[in-house]
Amino acid sequence: MTVPNDIAGTAALAICESLLLALNDHKILPEREVVGVLKDAAAAHENAPKGDRDALNAAVATLINGILAGGNSVRRR
């Protein structure tokens, strides 16, 4: 990945995480829906067609699953 892509990807992750937190904080989406969004995103990368982006898809799925396990995006207790 190039530096501009790293910057764009990091910015996108921060924006999406903030949006999910805000949607949950304002009771627009319950926590289970926020978790569902994250699980769907991880599954999309885990089940992506095989090809030259296998390492990237695996890394993205691992990152999203790490967010789920850590409770970072929805501030679970």
Protein backbone atom coordinates (compact mmCIF):
# COMPACT_ATOMS: atom_id res chain seq x y z
CA MET A 1 0.00 0.00 0.00
CA THR A 2 1.29 3.46 -0.76
CA VAL A 3 1.48 6.29 1.73
CA PRO A 4 -1.53 8.18 0.25
CA ASN A 5 -3.61 4.99 0.50
CA ASP A 6 -2.51 4.49 4.10
CA ILE A 7 -3.60 8.04 4.91
CA ALA A 8 -6.94 7.64 3.13
CA GLY A 9 -7.59 4.29 4.79
CA THR A 10 -6.75 5.61 8.25
CA ALA A 11 -8.96 8.65 7.73
CA ALA A 12 -11.84 6.48 6.49
CA LEU A 13 -11.54 4.20 9.52
CA ALA A 14 -11.54 7.15 11.92
CA ILE A 15 -14.55 8.75 10.23
CA CYS A 16 -16.54 5.51 10.16
CA GLU A 17 -15.72 4.72 13.77
CA SER A 18 -16.82 8.21 14.82
CA LEU A 19 -20.05 7.88 12.84
CA LEU A 20 -20.84 4.52 14.42
CA LEU A 21 -20.20 5.96 17.88
CA ALA A 22 -22.40 8.97 17.17
CA LEU A 23 -25.21 6.82 15.77
CA ASN A 24 -25.08 4.68 18.89
CA ASP A 25 -24.75 7.64 21.30
CA HIS A 26 -27.79 9.35 19.78
CA LYS A 27 -29.76 6.11 19.91
CA ILE A 28 -30.17 5.99 16.13
CA LEU A 29 -28.56 2.54 15.96
CA PRO A 30 -28.53 0.17 18.92
CA GLU A 31 -25.25 -1.47 19.86
CA ARG A 32 -26.30 -4.79 18.28
CA GLU A 33 -26.72 -3.02 14.92
CA VAL A 34 -23.33 -1.34 15.20
CA VAL A 35 -21.77 -4.72 15.97
CA GLY A 36 -23.68 -6.16 13.01
CA VAL A 37 -22.25 -3.51 10.68
CA LEU A 38 -18.73 -4.38 11.84
CA LYS A 39 -19.34 -8.13 11.52
CA ASP A 40 -20.73 -7.67 8.00
CA ALA A 41 -17.70 -5.59 7.00
CA ALA A 42 -15.30 -8.22 8.35
CA ALA A 43 -17.23 -11.02 6.63
CA ALA A 44 -17.11 -9.18 3.31
CA HIS A 45 -13.33 -9.24 3.45
CA GLU A 46 -13.11 -12.77 4.82
CA ASN A 47 -15.28 -14.05 1.96
CA ALA A 48 -13.86 -11.89 -0.83
CA PRO A 49 -13.02 -13.73 -4.03
CA LYS A 50 -9.47 -15.09 -4.03
CA GLY A 51 -6.94 -13.07 -5.96
CA ASP A 52 -4.05 -10.67 -5.70
CA ARG A 53 -5.62 -8.82 -2.74
CA ASP A 54 -5.81 -11.80 -0.39
CA ALA A 55 -3.29 -10.34 2.08
CA LEU A 56 -5.08 -6.99 2.14
CA ASN A 57 -8.50 -8.59 2.69
CA ALA A 58 -7.12 -10.77 5.48
CA ALA A 59 -5.51 -7.76 7.17
CA VAL A 60 -8.72 -5.71 6.94
CA ALA A 61 -10.80 -8.56 8.38
CA THR A 62 -8.29 -9.01 11.20
CA LEU A 63 -8.39 -5.30 12.01
CA ILE A 64 -12.20 -5.17 12.09
CA ASN A 65 -12.40 -8.33 14.19
CA GLY A 66 -9.88 -6.75 16.57
CA ILE A 67 -12.14 -3.72 16.93
CA LEU A 68 -15.05 -6.05 17.68
CA ALA A 69 -13.05 -8.03 20.25
CA GLY A 70 -11.77 -4.89 21.94
CA GLY A 71 -15.11 -3.16 22.07
CA ASN A 72 -13.53 0.04 20.81
CA SER A 73 -16.19 1.16 18.39
CA VAL A 74 -19.21 0.82 20.62
CA ARG A 75 -17.68 1.29 24.06
CA ARG A 76 -18.93 -2.03 25.37
CA ARG A 77 -18.23 -2.81 29.01
